[in-house]
Protein backbone atom coordinates (compact mmCIF):
# COMPACT_ATOMS: atom_id res chain seq x y z
CA MET A 1 114.19 135.13 118.07
CA HIS A 2 111.72 136.15 120.77
CA SER A 3 113.57 139.43 121.35
CA LYS A 4 112.71 140.25 117.74
CA GLY A 5 109.05 139.41 118.30
CA ILE A 6 109.17 136.19 116.25
CA MET A 7 107.37 132.97 117.21
CA HIS A 8 108.61 129.71 115.66
CA ARG A 9 105.40 127.76 116.48
CA ASP A 10 106.76 124.34 115.48
CA LEU A 11 109.65 123.59 117.83
CA LYS A 12 110.34 119.86 118.16
CA PRO A 13 113.43 117.60 118.06
CA ALA A 14 113.31 117.29 114.26
CA ASN A 15 113.63 121.08 113.95
CA ILE A 16 116.66 121.40 116.22
CA LEU A 17 119.86 120.59 114.35
CA LEU A 18 123.37 120.05 115.73
CA ARG A 19 126.11 121.90 113.86
CA THR A 20 128.53 119.02 114.45
CA GLU A 21 128.17 115.48 115.75
CA TYR A 22 130.08 115.87 119.00
CA ASN A 23 128.92 119.10 120.63
CA TRP A 24 125.71 120.83 121.72
CA ASN A 25 126.06 123.80 119.38
CA CYS A 26 122.67 123.72 117.67
CA VAL A 27 120.43 125.76 115.41
CA VAL A 28 116.67 126.01 115.01
CA ALA A 29 115.39 124.99 111.59
CA ASP A 30 112.17 125.17 109.55
CA PHE A 31 110.60 128.58 110.00
CA GLY A 32 107.69 127.72 107.72
CA LEU A 33 105.17 128.40 110.48
CA ALA A 34 107.02 131.32 112.08
CA GLU A 35 105.02 134.49 112.67
CA PHE A 36 105.52 137.94 114.15
CA GLU A 37 103.75 138.37 117.48
CA ASN A 38 102.38 141.76 116.45
CA SER A 39 100.97 140.62 113.09
CA SER A 40 97.48 141.99 112.60
CA GLU A 41 96.30 138.50 111.70
CA TYR A 42 98.16 135.18 111.74
CA LEU A 43 98.24 133.28 108.45
CA PHE A 44 97.68 130.08 110.45
CA LYS A 45 96.29 130.39 113.97
CA ARG A 46 96.16 126.76 115.04
CA CYS A 47 99.38 125.16 113.89
CA GLY A 48 102.36 123.08 114.95
CA THR A 49 103.00 119.38 115.54
CA PRO A 50 100.55 117.40 117.71
CA GLY A 51 102.29 116.52 120.94
CA TYR A 52 104.31 119.76 121.04
CA VAL A 53 101.68 122.48 120.69
CA ALA A 54 100.97 124.97 123.47
CA PRO A 55 97.41 124.90 124.89
CA GLU A 56 96.66 128.44 123.76
CA VAL A 57 97.57 127.52 120.16
CA ILE A 58 95.89 124.14 119.81
CA GLY A 59 92.78 125.38 121.63
CA MET A 60 92.87 128.95 120.27
CA THR A 61 91.39 130.34 123.49
CA ASP A 62 92.51 133.80 122.36
CA SER A 63 92.74 135.41 118.95
CA LYS A 64 96.40 136.26 119.65
CA TYR A 65 99.25 134.65 121.56
CA ASN A 66 102.98 135.26 121.95
CA GLY A 67 106.39 133.60 122.02
CA LYS A 68 105.57 131.74 125.20
CA CYS A 69 103.92 129.15 122.98
CA ASP A 70 107.46 128.17 121.97
CA ILE A 71 108.48 127.83 125.62
CA PHE A 72 105.82 125.17 126.09
CA SER A 73 107.18 123.26 123.08
CA VAL A 74 110.72 123.44 124.47
CA GLY A 75 109.33 122.21 127.79
CA VAL A 76 107.93 119.15 126.00
CA ILE A 77 111.35 118.53 124.44
CA LEU A 78 113.03 118.86 127.85
CA TYR A 79 110.50 116.39 129.26
CA GLN A 80 111.47 113.92 126.52
CA LEU A 81 115.16 114.33 127.26
CA LEU A 82 114.63 113.77 130.98
CA PHE A 83 112.19 110.87 130.86
CA CYS A 84 113.06 109.27 127.51
CA LYS A 85 109.43 109.48 126.41
CA GLY A 86 107.06 112.11 125.14
CA LEU A 87 104.49 114.08 127.09
CA PHE A 88 101.41 113.14 125.06
CA ARG A 89 101.39 109.50 124.00
CA GLY A 90 98.86 107.66 121.92
CA THR A 91 98.49 105.03 119.25
CA ASP A 92 97.22 107.33 116.50
CA TYR A 93 96.98 110.95 115.44
CA ASP A 94 93.55 111.56 117.00
CA MET A 95 94.64 110.30 120.42
CA VAL A 96 97.75 112.49 120.53
CA TYR A 97 95.79 115.46 119.25
CA GLU A 98 93.12 115.05 121.94
CA LEU A 99 95.65 114.53 124.74
CA ASN A 100 97.48 117.65 123.62
CA ARG A 101 94.26 119.65 123.27
CA ASN A 102 92.96 118.55 126.69
CA TYR A 103 96.13 119.51 128.57
CA ASN A 104 94.99 121.79 131.39
CA ARG A 105 95.69 122.79 134.99
CA GLU A 106 94.36 119.52 136.40
CA VAL A 107 96.56 117.38 134.13
CA TYR A 108 99.53 119.62 134.92
CA ASP A 109 99.03 119.35 138.69
CA ASN A 110 98.60 115.57 138.54
CA LEU A 111 101.68 115.19 136.36
CA PHE A 112 104.02 117.04 138.69
CA GLU A 113 102.49 115.58 141.83
CA ASP A 114 103.34 112.15 140.47
CA ILE A 115 106.83 113.14 139.33
CA TYR A 116 107.73 114.73 142.67
CA ARG A 117 106.43 111.71 144.53
CA ARG A 118 108.72 109.48 142.49
CA VAL A 119 111.87 111.55 143.09
CA ARG A 120 111.29 111.87 146.84
CA THR A 121 114.26 109.93 148.21
CA PRO A 122 114.61 108.96 151.88
CA GLU A 123 117.06 111.86 152.25
CA ILE A 124 114.52 114.35 150.90
CA GLU A 125 111.79 112.78 153.02
CA ASN A 126 113.86 113.17 156.21
CA TYR A 127 114.80 116.72 155.25
CA MET A 128 111.15 117.65 154.76
CA ILE A 129 110.18 116.16 158.11
CA SER A 130 113.03 117.82 159.99
CA LEU A 131 112.10 121.28 158.67
CA GLY A 132 108.35 120.79 158.49
CA LEU A 133 108.27 121.31 154.72
CA THR A 134 105.21 120.14 152.83
CA SER A 135 106.03 120.48 149.13
CA ALA A 136 108.82 119.86 146.65
CA ASP A 137 108.87 123.58 145.83
CA GLU A 138 109.67 124.37 149.47
CA VAL A 139 112.41 121.74 149.52
CA TYR A 140 113.94 123.13 146.33
CA LYS A 141 113.99 126.71 147.60
CA SER A 142 115.46 125.62 150.92
CA LEU A 143 118.21 123.52 149.33
CA GLU A 144 119.04 126.30 146.87
CA LEU A 145 119.51 128.74 149.74
CA LEU A 146 121.77 126.29 151.59
CA ASN A 147 123.77 125.67 148.43
CA ARG A 148 124.30 129.38 147.79
CA ALA A 149 125.57 129.72 151.35
CA LYS A 150 127.88 126.73 150.66
CA LEU A 151 126.26 124.79 153.51
CA LEU A 152 125.08 121.87 151.40
CA LYS A 153 127.76 119.18 151.69
CA SER A 154 125.99 115.84 151.29
CA ASP A 155 126.38 114.27 147.84
CA ASP A 156 122.88 112.82 148.13
CA MET A 157 121.36 116.23 148.84
CA LEU A 158 123.40 117.89 146.10
CA GLU A 159 122.06 115.31 143.67
CA ALA A 160 118.55 115.93 145.00
CA LEU A 161 119.04 119.66 144.40
CA ASP A 162 120.15 118.92 140.84
CA ILE A 163 116.97 116.96 140.18
CA LEU A 164 114.64 119.46 141.85
CA ARG A 165 116.30 122.35 140.05
CA THR A 166 115.73 120.67 136.70
CA LEU A 167 112.11 119.86 137.54
CA ASP A 168 111.53 123.44 138.69
CA LEU A 169 112.51 124.74 135.25
CA LEU A 170 110.41 122.07 133.54
CA LYS A 171 107.43 122.97 135.69
CA MET A 172 107.74 126.66 134.77
CA MET A 173 107.85 125.83 131.05
CA LEU A 174 104.86 123.48 130.99
CA VAL A 175 102.42 125.79 132.78
CA PRO A 176 99.13 125.59 130.82
CA GLU A 177 98.32 129.29 131.16
CA PRO A 178 100.62 131.41 128.95
CA GLU A 179 100.41 134.44 131.25
CA LYS A 180 101.90 132.31 134.07
CA ARG A 181 104.47 130.49 131.92
CA VAL A 182 108.11 131.55 132.11
CA SER A 183 109.50 133.68 129.28
CA ALA A 184 112.62 132.74 127.30
CA LYS A 185 114.62 135.51 128.97
CA ASN A 186 113.64 134.47 132.49
CA ALA A 187 114.11 130.78 131.72
CA LEU A 188 117.71 131.42 130.70
CA GLU A 189 118.30 133.10 134.06
CA HIS A 190 117.20 129.97 135.95
CA GLU A 191 119.74 128.26 138.22
CA PHE A 192 119.52 125.20 135.99
CA PHE A 193 121.67 126.89 133.34
CA LYS A 194 124.18 128.12 135.88
CA THR A 195 124.96 125.04 137.92
CA THR A 196 123.17 121.84 136.90
CA GLU A 197 125.38 119.11 135.48
CA TRP A 198 123.90 117.78 132.25
CA LYS A 199 123.39 114.02 132.31
CA ARG A 200 122.71 111.83 129.30
CA GLU A 201 120.65 109.18 131.05
CA CYS A 202 117.03 109.57 132.12
CA PHE A 203 116.66 109.96 135.87
CA ILE A 204 113.11 108.63 135.98
CA LYS A 205 112.12 105.52 134.07
CA GLU A 206 108.63 105.14 132.64
CA ASP A 207 108.00 102.09 134.84
CA ASN A 208 108.26 104.33 137.90
CA LEU A 209 105.34 106.51 136.87
CA SER A 210 101.90 105.73 138.25
CA ALA A 211 99.08 104.41 136.09
CA SER A 212 97.19 107.70 136.47
CA SER A 213 100.08 109.66 134.94
CA ARG A 214 100.58 107.16 132.14
CA ASN A 215 96.89 107.36 131.28
CA SER A 216 96.68 111.16 131.28
CA ILE A 217 100.09 111.83 129.74
CA ARG A 218 101.02 109.52 126.85
CA VAL A 219 103.29 109.74 123.60
CA SER A 220 105.02 108.28 120.47
CA VAL A 221 102.64 107.88 117.58
CA ASP A 222 102.51 106.27 114.17
CA PHE A 223 101.27 108.98 111.80
CA SER A 224 101.32 106.80 108.69
CA ASN A 225 97.61 107.51 108.23
CA PHE A 226 98.03 111.18 109.01
CA ARG A 227 95.38 113.63 107.85
CA PRO A 228 94.83 117.32 108.66
CA ARG A 229 92.17 117.87 111.28
CA ASP A 230 89.63 120.69 110.99
CA SER A 231 91.42 124.02 110.59
CA PHE A 232 94.49 122.74 112.44
CA GLN A 233 97.28 123.21 109.90
CA CYS A 234 99.74 120.32 109.55
CA ASN A 235 103.03 119.42 107.89
CA HIS A 236 104.43 116.00 107.12
CA ASN A 237 107.81 115.57 108.82
CA GLN A 238 109.54 112.72 110.59
CA ASN A 239 109.95 113.25 114.31
CA LEU A 240 113.35 111.62 114.84
CA LEU A 241 113.06 111.26 118.61
CA THR A 242 109.64 109.65 118.91
CA GLY A 243 109.18 108.15 115.47
CA VAL A 244 106.12 110.32 114.93
CA ASP A 245 105.35 111.25 111.35
CA SER A 246 103.78 114.61 111.97
CA THR A 247 103.67 118.38 112.03
CA ILE A 248 101.02 121.04 111.91
CA ASN A 249 101.69 123.96 109.57
């Protein structure tokens, strides 16, 4: 899709369909908001579903954007699959809309600081101390190098690498600035798709997140009283994963 210069602009769980019940062969549906990147003017500029919209789309900081807006939406979906909750949580449409619209570098940094703090096991802590590492990014790169050299033997550290590898991809996809966000092509080349074992259960429960993260990043909304907001174009679809009755087209 992106190789053909097409942006979907409304990626969310409800628009990803499984071909059969028992495998992961899926298709993307509902191209009602799709647009060519090189269109002289977008029919709808601010569009999508609140809670899944990239910052550059919901805030329209530029007159044009590209397919990386879809990468952000996929990052939100990945976040939901990992943590069993959405990224922007509120009790009504306005709250979700505002949380989504106010997503910025500060929120992003606080989010991942909290996540990395929660996944720092005693094994990772000791590893960081022994090598003088100061960040999760440094730990991930170090463990990846050891793994490629087949020097990583501990099951605990292999599991830690699995988690950090997944979070590294997530972090690249949820970058607020589109120019710094990973592209679809580069995302597919990430180690996550080569080696990580897919797990069905969430590896971080909501109860483990700090109050600051829960306050700045919330989700799951009742859109029964949904109404379009300003020039932000909206659809009316049922979000099967979060129970949100929403879309923006």
